[in-house]
Protein backbone atom coordinates (compact mmCIF):
# COMPACT_ATOMS: atom_id res chain seq x y z
CA GLN A 1 -2.30 8.59 -79.88
CA GLN A 2 -3.69 8.13 -76.44
CA GLN A 3 -1.53 8.67 -73.26
CA GLN A 4 -2.24 5.73 -70.82
CA GLN A 5 -2.55 7.20 -67.39
CA GLN A 6 -0.39 4.86 -64.94
CA GLN A 7 -1.70 4.65 -62.23
CA PRO A 8 0.68 3.96 -59.36
CA GLN A 9 0.37 0.47 -57.99
CA GLN A 10 -0.74 0.37 -55.49
CA PRO A 11 1.27 -1.91 -52.38
CA SER A 12 -0.36 -5.20 -51.41
CA PRO A 13 -1.62 -5.52 -48.08
CA VAL A 14 0.23 -6.87 -45.72
CA ARG A 15 -2.19 -9.79 -43.83
CA ALA A 16 -1.47 -10.29 -40.44
CA PRO A 17 -0.60 -14.10 -39.38
CA SER A 18 -3.88 -16.74 -39.33
CA ALA A 19 -4.76 -17.64 -35.82
CA ALA A 20 -3.09 -21.16 -37.24
CA GLN A 21 0.49 -18.83 -38.69
CA GLN A 22 0.18 -17.26 -34.98
CA PRO A 23 2.04 -20.11 -33.16
CA ARG A 24 4.31 -21.73 -35.57
CA LYS A 25 5.63 -17.53 -36.18
CA THR A 26 5.91 -17.22 -32.07
CA VAL A 27 7.87 -20.55 -31.96
CA ALA A 28 10.69 -18.97 -34.64
CA GLN A 29 10.88 -15.48 -32.78
CA CYS A 30 11.25 -17.33 -29.61
CA VAL A 31 14.61 -19.32 -31.20
CA GLU A 32 15.47 -16.17 -32.20
CA ALA A 33 15.45 -14.22 -29.63
CA ILE A 34 18.26 -16.59 -28.05
CA ALA A 35 21.17 -15.86 -28.31
CA ALA A 36 24.24 -18.24 -28.65
CA GLN A 37 26.15 -16.88 -25.80
CA ASP A 38 23.23 -18.00 -23.44
CA LEU A 39 23.97 -21.33 -24.39
CA GLN A 40 27.81 -20.75 -23.65
CA GLN A 41 26.73 -19.00 -20.53
CA ILE A 42 24.46 -21.98 -19.15
CA HIS A 43 27.49 -24.80 -20.42
CA ASN A 44 29.74 -23.26 -18.58
CA LEU A 45 27.07 -23.31 -15.24
CA GLN A 46 29.97 -25.38 -12.29
CA GLY A 47 27.75 -28.00 -9.67
CA ARG A 48 24.22 -29.01 -9.96
CA PRO A 49 21.82 -26.90 -11.61
CA HIS A 50 18.72 -25.37 -9.95
CA ALA A 51 15.83 -27.81 -10.56
CA SER A 52 14.13 -25.30 -12.77
CA LEU A 53 17.56 -24.95 -15.71
CA ARG A 54 17.15 -28.77 -15.20
CA ASP A 55 13.95 -29.13 -16.58
CA VAL A 56 14.31 -26.69 -19.25
CA ALA A 57 17.46 -27.29 -20.55
CA GLU A 58 16.02 -31.32 -20.39
CA THR A 59 12.39 -30.62 -22.45
CA THR A 60 14.27 -28.62 -24.81
CA LEU A 61 16.41 -31.37 -25.64
CA MET A 62 13.29 -33.93 -25.27
CA LEU A 63 11.45 -31.87 -27.62
CA LEU A 64 14.25 -31.77 -30.59
CA GLY A 65 14.12 -35.52 -30.15
CA PHE A 66 18.24 -35.94 -28.36
CA ARG A 67 18.19 -39.55 -27.60
CA ASP A 68 20.12 -38.30 -24.09
CA ALA A 69 17.93 -35.59 -22.88
CA THR A 70 19.66 -35.46 -19.15
CA TRP A 71 21.51 -31.90 -18.10
CA SER A 72 24.92 -33.48 -18.46
CA ALA A 73 24.33 -34.35 -22.59
CA ALA A 74 22.57 -30.59 -22.86
CA GLN A 75 25.86 -29.12 -20.96
CA ALA A 76 27.69 -30.84 -23.75
CA TYR A 77 25.23 -29.91 -26.51
CA PHE A 78 25.58 -26.09 -26.06
CA ASP A 79 29.27 -25.88 -25.69
CA ARG A 80 28.36 -25.77 -29.90
CA PRO A 81 25.47 -23.23 -29.71
CA ASP A 82 26.05 -22.20 -32.94
CA GLY A 83 24.82 -25.61 -33.83
CA PHE A 84 22.03 -26.35 -31.24
CA LEU A 85 20.86 -23.01 -32.09
CA GLU A 86 20.24 -24.07 -36.54
CA LYS A 87 19.14 -27.02 -35.31
CA MET A 88 16.25 -25.38 -33.33
CA ARG A 89 16.04 -23.24 -36.62
CA ILE A 90 14.83 -25.85 -38.24
CA PHE A 91 12.86 -27.70 -36.21
CA ASP A 92 9.29 -28.06 -37.19
CA ALA A 93 8.09 -28.96 -33.91
CA SER A 94 4.10 -29.59 -35.71
CA ARG A 95 5.84 -32.23 -37.75
CA SER A 96 8.42 -33.69 -35.62
CA VAL A 97 6.62 -34.18 -31.79
CA SER A 98 5.52 -36.94 -31.29
CA ARG A 99 1.72 -37.19 -29.21
CA LEU A 100 3.91 -38.81 -26.09
CA GLN A 101 6.74 -35.94 -26.29
CA TYR A 102 3.81 -33.81 -26.33
CA GLN A 103 2.31 -35.33 -22.60
CA LYS A 104 5.98 -35.21 -21.88
CA LEU A 105 5.85 -31.45 -22.39
CA CYS A 106 1.89 -30.74 -20.75
CA ARG A 107 3.61 -32.21 -17.91
CA CYS A 108 6.04 -30.36 -17.45
CA LEU A 109 4.72 -26.80 -18.16
CA ALA A 110 2.14 -27.87 -15.93
CA THR A 111 4.55 -28.88 -12.74
CA SER A 112 8.02 -27.41 -12.70
CA GLN A 113 8.10 -23.77 -11.61
CA ALA A 114 10.49 -22.47 -14.84
CA PHE A 115 7.55 -22.66 -16.97
CA GLN A 116 4.98 -21.26 -14.82
CA ASP A 117 6.91 -17.71 -13.71
CA GLU A 118 9.07 -16.16 -16.08
CA ALA A 119 10.19 -13.97 -12.83
CA VAL A 120 11.11 -17.60 -11.14
CA MET A 121 13.43 -18.68 -14.93
CA GLU A 122 14.79 -15.34 -14.75
CA SER A 123 15.84 -15.29 -11.23
CA ILE A 124 17.59 -18.38 -11.73
CA CYS A 125 19.33 -18.72 -15.24
CA PRO A 126 18.47 -15.07 -17.78
CA ALA A 127 20.33 -17.10 -19.96
CA ALA A 128 17.67 -20.37 -20.26
CA LEU A 129 15.03 -17.90 -20.12
CA GLY A 130 14.37 -18.15 -24.40
CA LEU A 131 14.80 -21.84 -23.81
CA ALA A 132 12.02 -21.90 -21.61
CA ARG A 133 9.94 -20.12 -23.48
CA TRP A 134 10.71 -21.88 -26.56
CA CYS A 135 9.11 -24.53 -25.05
CA ARG A 136 6.11 -22.95 -23.99
CA ALA A 137 5.49 -21.27 -27.52
CA VAL A 138 5.90 -25.19 -28.94
CA GLY A 139 3.14 -26.07 -26.58
CA ASP A 140 0.57 -23.67 -27.96
CA LEU A 141 1.40 -25.30 -31.41
CA LEU A 142 0.68 -28.68 -30.84
CA VAL A 143 -2.16 -27.90 -29.24
CA GLN A 144 -3.85 -27.26 -32.86
CA ARG A 145 -2.52 -30.76 -33.55
CA TYR A 146 -3.11 -32.61 -30.82
CA GLY A 147 -5.78 -30.07 -28.58
CA GLU A 148 -5.32 -29.61 -25.03
CA PHE A 149 -3.93 -32.53 -22.33
CA THR A 150 -6.04 -33.68 -19.73
CA GLU A 151 -4.97 -37.02 -18.08
CA GLN A 152 -7.98 -38.41 -19.22
CA SER A 153 -5.94 -37.82 -23.13
CA ARG A 154 -3.12 -40.10 -21.94
CA VAL A 155 -1.89 -42.83 -23.93
CA GLY A 156 -2.84 -46.12 -22.04
CA ALA A 157 -4.95 -43.86 -18.74
CA PRO A 158 -8.09 -44.84 -17.87
CA ARG A 159 -10.68 -42.86 -19.41
CA LYS A 160 -12.70 -41.03 -16.45
CA SER A 161 -14.85 -37.63 -16.05
CA GLY A 162 -13.31 -35.01 -14.33
CA ALA A 163 -10.29 -35.20 -16.42
CA ARG A 164 -7.64 -32.33 -14.89
CA SER A 165 -6.40 -29.67 -17.07
CA PRO A 166 -2.19 -28.53 -16.57
CA ARG A 167 -3.37 -25.63 -14.35
CA GLU A 168 -5.18 -28.39 -11.69
CA VAL A 169 -2.62 -31.26 -12.06
CA ALA A 170 0.44 -28.33 -11.41
CA ALA A 171 -1.85 -26.62 -8.55
CA ALA A 172 -2.47 -30.62 -6.74
CA ALA A 173 1.13 -31.27 -7.33
CA ALA A 174 2.24 -27.73 -6.18
CA THR A 175 -0.36 -28.47 -2.85
CA ALA A 176 1.20 -32.19 -2.63
CA ASP A 177 4.89 -31.21 -2.22
CA ALA A 178 3.61 -28.10 0.16
CA GLN A 179 1.70 -31.10 2.25
CA GLN A 180 5.02 -33.14 1.98
CA GLN A 181 7.27 -30.60 3.36
CA GLN A 182 4.80 -29.59 5.97
CA GLN A 183 4.93 -33.22 7.25
CA GLN A 184 8.67 -33.56 7.00
CA GLN A 185 8.64 -30.53 9.11
CA HIS A 186 6.08 -32.35 11.66
CA GLN A 187 8.45 -34.83 11.47
CA GLN A 188 11.40 -33.34 12.28
CA GLN A 189 10.17 -31.28 14.71
CA GLN A 190 8.59 -34.33 17.01
CA GLN A 191 12.64 -35.99 16.43
CA GLN A 192 13.89 -32.84 18.41
CA TYR A 193 11.65 -33.18 20.46
CA GLN A 194 12.18 -36.39 21.37
CA ASP A 195 15.95 -36.17 20.82
CA THR A 196 15.62 -33.61 24.22
């Protein structure tokens, strides 16, 4: 009789996610990092929300395909956090988000402070930080499907050279806001001068 030597089975190598799978994994991790208590805390906020918090809530609803993607609707949905989180878990952004929704997302990511700096969102409402991260992760995932968003790629936009990236759009918006604030301050100073 021959004795067969049994070689120990080698564990199969753990494969790192491919570049195409990584954004999808990041989206899933972002959902898992959101606690039901976070949504409940947002739901319990009273009064008018900070613009950044409103942007995050409304962008989240818009991506998930809710017809009513307003702050008041978000508060109602967040009152049932387990159901809302389950919807986020089963949501496949790579197949469910339209080009128009992606364009809206890119504009929000480029112009809202909530998506530009986590420290800003954390100081305003730490409970919404997970939602902001999820929105950014969905944007990263959708780049694979739709490519980088520029004003030139916008549906119905005139084709022109020199289209701006989301960062350039954000910088231009910030500059315009600063100029508008300076103009308002100047007008107020002129009014005060005239009143005296």
